[in-house]
Amino acid sequence: MEPFHIGPGVMGGGFSLFLLLAVWALFWKGLALWHSSRKGEQWWFIALLVLNTFGILEIIYLFAVAKMRADTLFTFDGKVPEHASQESH
């Protein structure tokens, strides 16, 4: 009898799924924390930091509360880059 036996599914497909979910959650959490900090929204920052919702709360914050658009998610100030707004004209 092995005292620390981890089932066969954990190191197989289960571990891959866990790793994928962890990367997904970390990506959205980092992005949401960064934007909430830049906007000075300390309560959102604390909620996003403490609660682990696998990216769901973070996505809701970014798109519904902070009113971010997909093309502004990776900008420093949350505005559409100058060159991007000129291309649409």
Protein backbone atom coordinates (compact mmCIF):
# COMPACT_ATOMS: atom_id res chain seq x y z
CA MET A 1 0.00 0.00 0.00
CA GLU A 2 1.41 3.35 -1.08
CA PRO A 3 0.69 6.17 1.39
CA PHE A 4 0.99 9.01 -1.14
CA HIS A 5 -0.55 7.46 -4.23
CA ILE A 6 -2.07 10.01 -6.61
CA GLY A 7 -4.57 8.43 -8.98
CA PRO A 8 -3.57 7.75 -12.59
CA GLY A 9 -5.86 10.51 -13.90
CA VAL A 10 -4.04 13.31 -12.07
CA MET A 11 -0.76 12.90 -13.91
CA GLY A 12 -2.49 12.12 -17.20
CA GLY A 13 -5.19 14.29 -18.75
CA GLY A 14 -6.28 15.70 -15.40
CA PHE A 15 -2.95 17.41 -14.85
CA SER A 16 -3.02 18.93 -18.33
CA LEU A 17 -6.49 20.31 -17.71
CA PHE A 18 -5.39 21.73 -14.35
CA LEU A 19 -2.37 23.38 -15.96
CA LEU A 20 -4.50 24.85 -18.74
CA LEU A 21 -7.03 26.25 -16.23
CA ALA A 22 -4.23 27.69 -14.10
CA VAL A 23 -2.68 29.52 -17.06
CA TRP A 24 -6.13 30.74 -18.19
CA ALA A 25 -6.95 32.06 -14.71
CA LEU A 26 -3.53 33.67 -14.23
CA PHE A 27 -3.79 35.49 -17.57
CA TRP A 28 -7.21 37.02 -16.83
CA LYS A 29 -6.38 37.72 -13.17
CA GLY A 30 -3.20 39.58 -14.09
CA LEU A 31 -4.93 41.64 -16.75
CA ALA A 32 -7.86 42.55 -14.49
CA LEU A 33 -5.60 43.37 -11.52
CA TRP A 34 -3.45 45.60 -13.71
CA HIS A 35 -6.42 47.55 -15.07
CA SER A 36 -8.16 47.88 -11.70
CA SER A 37 -4.93 49.19 -10.20
CA ARG A 38 -4.40 51.69 -13.03
CA LYS A 39 -7.98 52.96 -12.55
CA GLY A 40 -7.52 53.26 -8.77
CA GLU A 41 -10.35 50.85 -8.01
CA GLN A 42 -8.99 49.35 -4.80
CA TRP A 43 -12.11 47.33 -3.91
CA TRP A 44 -12.14 45.64 -7.29
CA PHE A 45 -8.41 45.00 -6.92
CA ILE A 46 -8.93 43.30 -3.54
CA ALA A 47 -11.91 41.26 -4.77
CA LEU A 48 -10.03 40.13 -7.88
CA LEU A 49 -6.97 39.26 -5.83
CA VAL A 50 -8.81 37.24 -3.17
CA LEU A 51 -11.53 35.48 -5.14
CA ASN A 52 -10.59 32.68 -7.49
CA THR A 53 -13.23 32.27 -10.17
CA PHE A 54 -11.03 30.84 -12.96
CA GLY A 55 -11.23 34.06 -14.93
CA ILE A 56 -15.00 34.58 -14.81
CA LEU A 57 -15.03 37.56 -12.39
CA GLU A 58 -11.99 39.02 -14.13
CA ILE A 59 -13.67 38.90 -17.54
CA ILE A 60 -16.85 40.44 -16.10
CA TYR A 61 -14.79 43.23 -14.52
CA LEU A 62 -12.82 43.98 -17.70
CA PHE A 63 -15.70 44.02 -20.17
CA ALA A 64 -18.78 44.99 -18.08
CA VAL A 65 -17.45 47.19 -15.26
CA ALA A 66 -14.29 48.74 -16.71
CA LYS A 67 -15.93 48.87 -20.18
CA MET A 68 -12.73 47.69 -21.87
CA ARG A 69 -12.71 46.71 -25.52
CA ALA A 70 -10.64 43.86 -26.89
CA ASP A 71 -8.33 46.28 -28.72
CA THR A 72 -7.56 48.20 -25.51
CA LEU A 73 -6.83 45.31 -23.16
CA PHE A 74 -3.08 45.52 -23.64
CA THR A 75 -2.66 49.29 -23.78
CA PHE A 76 -1.13 51.27 -20.97
CA ASP A 77 -3.96 53.76 -20.50
CA GLY A 78 -6.92 51.72 -21.76
CA LYS A 79 -7.32 53.85 -24.88
CA VAL A 80 -7.19 52.77 -28.50
CA PRO A 81 -3.65 53.27 -29.84
CA GLU A 82 -3.26 56.26 -32.18
CA HIS A 83 -2.26 54.15 -35.18
CA ALA A 84 -5.25 51.81 -34.70
CA SER A 85 -7.79 54.63 -34.70
CA GLN A 86 -6.32 56.08 -37.91
CA GLU A 87 -6.54 52.73 -39.72
CA SER A 88 -10.30 52.55 -39.24
CA HIS A 89 -10.92 55.81 -41.14
